[in-house]
Amino acid sequence: MASGSMGAGAVRHIVMLKLGDKANVGKVAASLGKLGDGIPGVKWNSFSLNTDLGLAEGNYDVALTIEFPDKENYLAYAKHPEHVAAVQSNSSMVVSRAAIQFSLAPKL
C-alpha cells in the first residue's frame, strides 16, 4: 500500500528475525508477506521482505523493511490486529529479533 511522499516525518522500520529451524523460513516469510497486501487504515511508502542468501554464518533469516510516511502510521501498524496476529503466529519459530525505527531525511 503506497501513499504520500517521503517527508520530514517519514519513518523506516527494519526488523530481522532468526528462526530456530531454517525449514520455517518460507512459512514465516509467507505470513509476513501477507501484511504487504495492505492493512486497513495504515499507509506506507514501501514494503520489502527478504530472506537471507546464506552467504555467511550467523545471519538473521528474514528481514522486513517498511517506510512509513510518518510516525502515526508506524504506530497504527505496530498495534494493528493484523500485525499483532502475524507476530503471535510466528513467535514460536523466532529465537531472536532485532528491530529499529528511525527518521528519514527529506529528499531534496
N, C-alpha and C. Protein backbone atom coordinates (compact mmCIF):
# COMPACT_ATOMS: atom_id res chain seq x y z
N MET A 1 0.85 -1.16 0.00
CA MET A 1 0.00 0.00 0.00
C MET A 1 0.90 1.22 0.00
N ALA A 2 0.91 1.97 -1.05
CA ALA A 2 1.77 3.14 -1.16
C ALA A 2 0.94 4.39 -0.99
N SER A 3 1.52 5.38 -0.41
CA SER A 3 0.83 6.64 -0.22
C SER A 3 1.81 7.72 0.16
N GLY A 4 1.56 8.91 -0.32
CA GLY A 4 2.33 10.07 0.12
C GLY A 4 3.76 10.08 -0.35
N SER A 5 4.47 11.11 0.08
CA SER A 5 5.89 11.25 -0.25
C SER A 5 6.70 11.09 1.02
N MET A 6 7.99 10.91 0.84
CA MET A 6 8.88 10.74 1.99
C MET A 6 9.21 12.11 2.56
N GLY A 7 8.39 12.60 3.44
CA GLY A 7 8.59 13.91 4.02
C GLY A 7 9.47 13.85 5.25
N ALA A 8 9.56 15.00 5.94
CA ALA A 8 10.43 15.12 7.11
C ALA A 8 10.03 14.15 8.21
N GLY A 9 8.75 13.77 8.24
CA GLY A 9 8.30 12.88 9.30
C GLY A 9 8.37 11.41 8.96
N ALA A 10 8.95 11.06 7.80
CA ALA A 10 8.98 9.66 7.37
C ALA A 10 9.79 8.80 8.34
N VAL A 11 9.34 7.56 8.52
CA VAL A 11 9.97 6.62 9.44
C VAL A 11 10.27 5.32 8.71
N ARG A 12 11.48 4.82 8.89
CA ARG A 12 11.84 3.50 8.37
C ARG A 12 11.86 2.52 9.53
N HIS A 13 11.19 1.40 9.33
CA HIS A 13 11.12 0.32 10.32
C HIS A 13 11.81 -0.90 9.72
N ILE A 14 12.81 -1.42 10.41
CA ILE A 14 13.51 -2.62 9.97
C ILE A 14 13.44 -3.64 11.10
N VAL A 15 13.03 -4.84 10.77
CA VAL A 15 13.02 -5.93 11.75
C VAL A 15 13.70 -7.15 11.11
N MET A 16 14.54 -7.82 11.89
CA MET A 16 15.22 -9.03 11.43
C MET A 16 14.90 -10.16 12.40
N LEU A 17 14.63 -11.33 11.84
CA LEU A 17 14.26 -12.48 12.65
C LEU A 17 15.22 -13.64 12.40
N LYS A 18 15.64 -14.27 13.48
CA LYS A 18 16.43 -15.51 13.40
C LYS A 18 15.50 -16.63 13.87
N LEU A 19 15.40 -17.66 13.05
CA LEU A 19 14.49 -18.75 13.36
C LEU A 19 15.23 -19.94 13.95
N GLY A 20 14.53 -20.69 14.78
CA GLY A 20 15.13 -21.87 15.38
C GLY A 20 15.35 -22.98 14.37
N ASP A 21 14.50 -23.02 13.35
CA ASP A 21 14.58 -24.05 12.31
C ASP A 21 14.48 -23.37 10.95
N LYS A 22 15.54 -23.45 10.17
CA LYS A 22 15.58 -22.80 8.85
C LYS A 22 14.46 -23.31 7.94
N ALA A 23 13.93 -24.49 8.22
CA ALA A 23 12.84 -25.03 7.41
C ALA A 23 11.58 -24.16 7.50
N ASN A 24 11.49 -23.29 8.50
CA ASN A 24 10.33 -22.43 8.68
C ASN A 24 10.45 -21.07 7.99
N VAL A 25 11.56 -20.81 7.32
CA VAL A 25 11.76 -19.51 6.67
C VAL A 25 10.62 -19.21 5.70
N GLY A 26 10.26 -20.15 4.86
CA GLY A 26 9.19 -19.93 3.89
C GLY A 26 7.86 -19.63 4.55
N LYS A 27 7.56 -20.35 5.62
CA LYS A 27 6.30 -20.15 6.35
C LYS A 27 6.24 -18.75 6.97
N VAL A 28 7.32 -18.34 7.63
CA VAL A 28 7.36 -17.02 8.26
C VAL A 28 7.31 -15.92 7.20
N ALA A 29 8.08 -16.08 6.13
CA ALA A 29 8.09 -15.08 5.06
C ALA A 29 6.71 -14.94 4.42
N ALA A 30 6.02 -16.05 4.21
CA ALA A 30 4.68 -16.00 3.62
C ALA A 30 3.71 -15.28 4.55
N SER A 31 3.81 -15.55 5.83
CA SER A 31 2.94 -14.91 6.82
C SER A 31 3.15 -13.40 6.84
N LEU A 32 4.42 -12.98 6.90
CA LEU A 32 4.72 -11.55 6.92
C LEU A 32 4.41 -10.90 5.58
N GLY A 33 4.62 -11.64 4.50
CA GLY A 33 4.35 -11.11 3.17
C GLY A 33 2.90 -10.72 2.98
N LYS A 34 1.98 -11.41 3.65
CA LYS A 34 0.56 -11.06 3.57
C LYS A 34 0.30 -9.65 4.07
N LEU A 35 1.12 -9.18 5.02
CA LEU A 35 0.96 -7.81 5.51
C LEU A 35 1.20 -6.82 4.38
N GLY A 36 2.04 -7.18 3.42
CA GLY A 36 2.36 -6.30 2.30
C GLY A 36 1.19 -6.03 1.39
N ASP A 37 0.13 -6.84 1.50
CA ASP A 37 -1.07 -6.59 0.71
C ASP A 37 -1.82 -5.36 1.20
N GLY A 38 -1.44 -4.89 2.37
CA GLY A 38 -2.06 -3.69 2.92
C GLY A 38 -2.80 -3.98 4.21
N ILE A 39 -2.81 -3.00 5.07
CA ILE A 39 -3.52 -3.08 6.34
C ILE A 39 -4.48 -1.90 6.37
N PRO A 40 -5.77 -2.16 6.54
CA PRO A 40 -6.74 -1.06 6.54
C PRO A 40 -6.37 0.04 7.54
N GLY A 41 -6.36 1.27 7.07
CA GLY A 41 -6.07 2.41 7.92
C GLY A 41 -4.60 2.72 8.09
N VAL A 42 -3.71 1.93 7.49
CA VAL A 42 -2.27 2.15 7.61
C VAL A 42 -1.70 2.41 6.22
N LYS A 43 -0.91 3.47 6.12
CA LYS A 43 -0.27 3.81 4.84
C LYS A 43 1.24 3.66 4.96
N TRP A 44 1.87 3.21 3.89
CA TRP A 44 3.32 3.18 3.82
C TRP A 44 3.78 3.50 2.42
N ASN A 45 5.04 3.90 2.31
CA ASN A 45 5.63 4.26 1.03
C ASN A 45 6.28 3.06 0.35
N SER A 46 6.83 2.15 1.15
CA SER A 46 7.42 0.93 0.58
C SER A 46 7.40 -0.19 1.61
N PHE A 47 7.36 -1.41 1.11
CA PHE A 47 7.31 -2.62 1.93
C PHE A 47 8.21 -3.63 1.26
N SER A 48 9.23 -4.11 1.97
CA SER A 48 10.19 -5.04 1.39
C SER A 48 10.46 -6.18 2.36
N LEU A 49 10.27 -7.40 1.88
CA LEU A 49 10.51 -8.59 2.69
C LEU A 49 11.59 -9.41 1.99
N ASN A 50 12.63 -9.77 2.74
CA ASN A 50 13.74 -10.52 2.16
C ASN A 50 14.14 -11.66 3.08
N THR A 51 14.70 -12.71 2.47
CA THR A 51 15.27 -13.82 3.23
C THR A 51 16.77 -13.88 2.95
N ASP A 52 17.51 -14.36 3.93
CA ASP A 52 18.97 -14.40 3.84
C ASP A 52 19.43 -15.35 2.73
N LEU A 53 20.50 -14.96 2.05
CA LEU A 53 21.07 -15.78 0.99
C LEU A 53 21.92 -16.93 1.52
N GLY A 54 22.26 -16.89 2.80
CA GLY A 54 23.06 -17.96 3.39
C GLY A 54 24.53 -17.86 3.06
N LEU A 55 25.01 -16.66 2.76
CA LEU A 55 26.41 -16.47 2.37
C LEU A 55 27.35 -16.40 3.56
N ALA A 56 26.82 -16.12 4.75
CA ALA A 56 27.65 -16.01 5.95
C ALA A 56 26.93 -16.66 7.12
N GLU A 57 27.69 -17.33 7.96
CA GLU A 57 27.15 -17.97 9.16
C GLU A 57 26.65 -16.91 10.15
N GLY A 58 25.61 -17.25 10.87
CA GLY A 58 25.14 -16.39 11.94
C GLY A 58 24.19 -15.28 11.53
N ASN A 59 23.91 -15.15 10.24
CA ASN A 59 22.99 -14.09 9.80
C ASN A 59 21.57 -14.36 10.28
N TYR A 60 20.78 -13.31 10.30
CA TYR A 60 19.35 -13.46 10.55
C TYR A 60 18.74 -14.09 9.31
N ASP A 61 17.55 -14.67 9.45
CA ASP A 61 16.92 -15.42 8.36
C ASP A 61 15.94 -14.61 7.53
N VAL A 62 15.23 -13.69 8.16
CA VAL A 62 14.19 -12.92 7.48
C VAL A 62 14.35 -11.46 7.88
N ALA A 63 14.20 -10.56 6.90
CA ALA A 63 14.26 -9.12 7.18
C ALA A 63 13.06 -8.44 6.53
N LEU A 64 12.46 -7.55 7.26
CA LEU A 64 11.32 -6.77 6.78
C LEU A 64 11.66 -5.30 6.93
N THR A 65 11.50 -4.54 5.85
CA THR A 65 11.74 -3.10 5.88
C THR A 65 10.49 -2.40 5.37
N ILE A 66 9.97 -1.48 6.17
CA ILE A 66 8.80 -0.71 5.77
C ILE A 66 9.11 0.76 5.98
N GLU A 67 8.82 1.58 4.98
CA GLU A 67 8.96 3.03 5.11
C GLU A 67 7.57 3.64 5.21
N PHE A 68 7.31 4.26 6.35
CA PHE A 68 6.02 4.89 6.62
C PHE A 68 6.13 6.39 6.36
N PRO A 69 5.04 7.04 5.95
CA PRO A 69 5.10 8.48 5.72
C PRO A 69 5.27 9.29 7.00
N ASP A 70 4.92 8.69 8.14
CA ASP A 70 5.03 9.41 9.42
C ASP A 70 4.96 8.42 10.58
N LYS A 71 5.25 8.94 11.75
CA LYS A 71 5.26 8.14 12.98
C LYS A 71 3.88 7.57 13.28
N GLU A 72 2.84 8.32 12.99
CA GLU A 72 1.49 7.88 13.30
C GLU A 72 1.13 6.59 12.56
N ASN A 73 1.55 6.50 11.29
CA ASN A 73 1.26 5.28 10.54
C ASN A 73 2.06 4.10 11.07
N TYR A 74 3.31 4.34 11.50
CA TYR A 74 4.08 3.25 12.12
C TYR A 74 3.37 2.77 13.38
N LEU A 75 2.95 3.70 14.23
CA LEU A 75 2.30 3.32 15.49
C LEU A 75 0.99 2.59 15.23
N ALA A 76 0.23 3.00 14.20
CA ALA A 76 -1.00 2.31 13.84
C ALA A 76 -0.70 0.89 13.37
N TYR A 77 0.37 0.73 12.60
CA TYR A 77 0.80 -0.59 12.12
C TYR A 77 1.19 -1.48 13.30
N ALA A 78 1.98 -0.94 14.21
CA ALA A 78 2.52 -1.73 15.33
C ALA A 78 1.41 -2.34 16.18
N LYS A 79 0.31 -1.63 16.35
CA LYS A 79 -0.77 -2.14 17.21
C LYS A 79 -1.95 -2.73 16.44
N HIS A 80 -1.88 -2.68 15.10
CA HIS A 80 -3.00 -3.19 14.29
C HIS A 80 -3.17 -4.69 14.51
N PRO A 81 -4.42 -5.16 14.62
CA PRO A 81 -4.67 -6.58 14.86
C PRO A 81 -4.03 -7.53 13.83
N GLU A 82 -3.94 -7.12 12.56
CA GLU A 82 -3.32 -8.00 11.55
C GLU A 82 -1.82 -8.16 11.81
N HIS A 83 -1.16 -7.07 12.22
CA HIS A 83 0.27 -7.15 12.55
C HIS A 83 0.47 -7.97 13.82
N VAL A 84 -0.33 -7.69 14.83
CA VAL A 84 -0.22 -8.41 16.10
C VAL A 84 -0.44 -9.91 15.88
N ALA A 85 -1.41 -10.27 15.04
CA ALA A 85 -1.67 -11.68 14.75
C ALA A 85 -0.48 -12.33 14.05
N ALA A 86 0.16 -11.62 13.12
CA ALA A 86 1.33 -12.16 12.42
C ALA A 86 2.48 -12.38 13.40
N VAL A 87 2.68 -11.43 14.30
CA VAL A 87 3.73 -11.58 15.31
C VAL A 87 3.46 -12.80 16.18
N GLN A 88 2.23 -12.92 16.65
CA GLN A 88 1.88 -14.03 17.53
C GLN A 88 1.99 -15.38 16.83
N SER A 89 1.58 -15.45 15.57
CA SER A 89 1.61 -16.73 14.86
C SER A 89 3.03 -17.19 14.55
N ASN A 90 3.97 -16.26 14.48
CA ASN A 90 5.36 -16.60 14.17
C ASN A 90 6.25 -16.69 15.40
N SER A 91 5.79 -16.23 16.54
CA SER A 91 6.66 -16.09 17.71
C SER A 91 7.30 -17.40 18.17
N SER A 92 6.61 -18.51 18.02
CA SER A 92 7.18 -19.78 18.48
C SER A 92 8.34 -20.24 17.59
N MET A 93 8.45 -19.70 16.38
CA MET A 93 9.52 -20.08 15.46
C MET A 93 10.73 -19.15 15.55
N VAL A 94 10.56 -18.00 16.21
CA VAL A 94 11.60 -16.98 16.27
C VAL A 94 12.42 -17.15 17.54
N VAL A 95 13.74 -17.23 17.39
CA VAL A 95 14.61 -17.33 18.56
C VAL A 95 15.31 -16.01 18.87
N SER A 96 15.35 -15.11 17.90
CA SER A 96 15.98 -13.80 18.12
C SER A 96 15.36 -12.79 17.17
N ARG A 97 15.17 -11.57 17.69
CA ARG A 97 14.58 -10.49 16.91
C ARG A 97 15.41 -9.24 17.14
N ALA A 98 15.68 -8.51 16.06
CA ALA A 98 16.33 -7.20 16.17
C ALA A 98 15.50 -6.23 15.35
N ALA A 99 15.28 -5.03 15.89
CA ALA A 99 14.47 -4.05 15.18
C ALA A 99 14.98 -2.65 15.47
N ILE A 100 14.67 -1.75 14.53
CA ILE A 100 14.99 -0.34 14.69
C ILE A 100 13.98 0.47 13.89
N GLN A 101 13.64 1.64 14.42
CA GLN A 101 12.84 2.61 13.69
C GLN A 101 13.63 3.91 13.72
N PHE A 102 13.72 4.57 12.57
CA PHE A 102 14.44 5.84 12.54
C PHE A 102 13.83 6.79 11.53
N SER A 103 14.07 8.08 11.74
CA SER A 103 13.56 9.12 10.85
C SER A 103 14.38 9.17 9.58
N LEU A 104 13.70 9.45 8.48
CA LEU A 104 14.37 9.62 7.19
C LEU A 104 14.43 11.10 6.86
N ALA A 105 15.58 11.55 6.41
CA ALA A 105 15.72 12.94 5.99
C ALA A 105 14.92 13.13 4.70
N PRO A 106 14.30 14.29 4.54
CA PRO A 106 13.55 14.53 3.30
C PRO A 106 14.49 14.54 2.10
N LYS A 107 13.98 14.03 0.99
CA LYS A 107 14.76 14.05 -0.25
C LYS A 107 14.65 15.43 -0.87
N LEU A 108 15.79 15.98 -1.23
CA LEU A 108 15.80 17.32 -1.82
C LEU A 108 15.80 17.23 -3.32
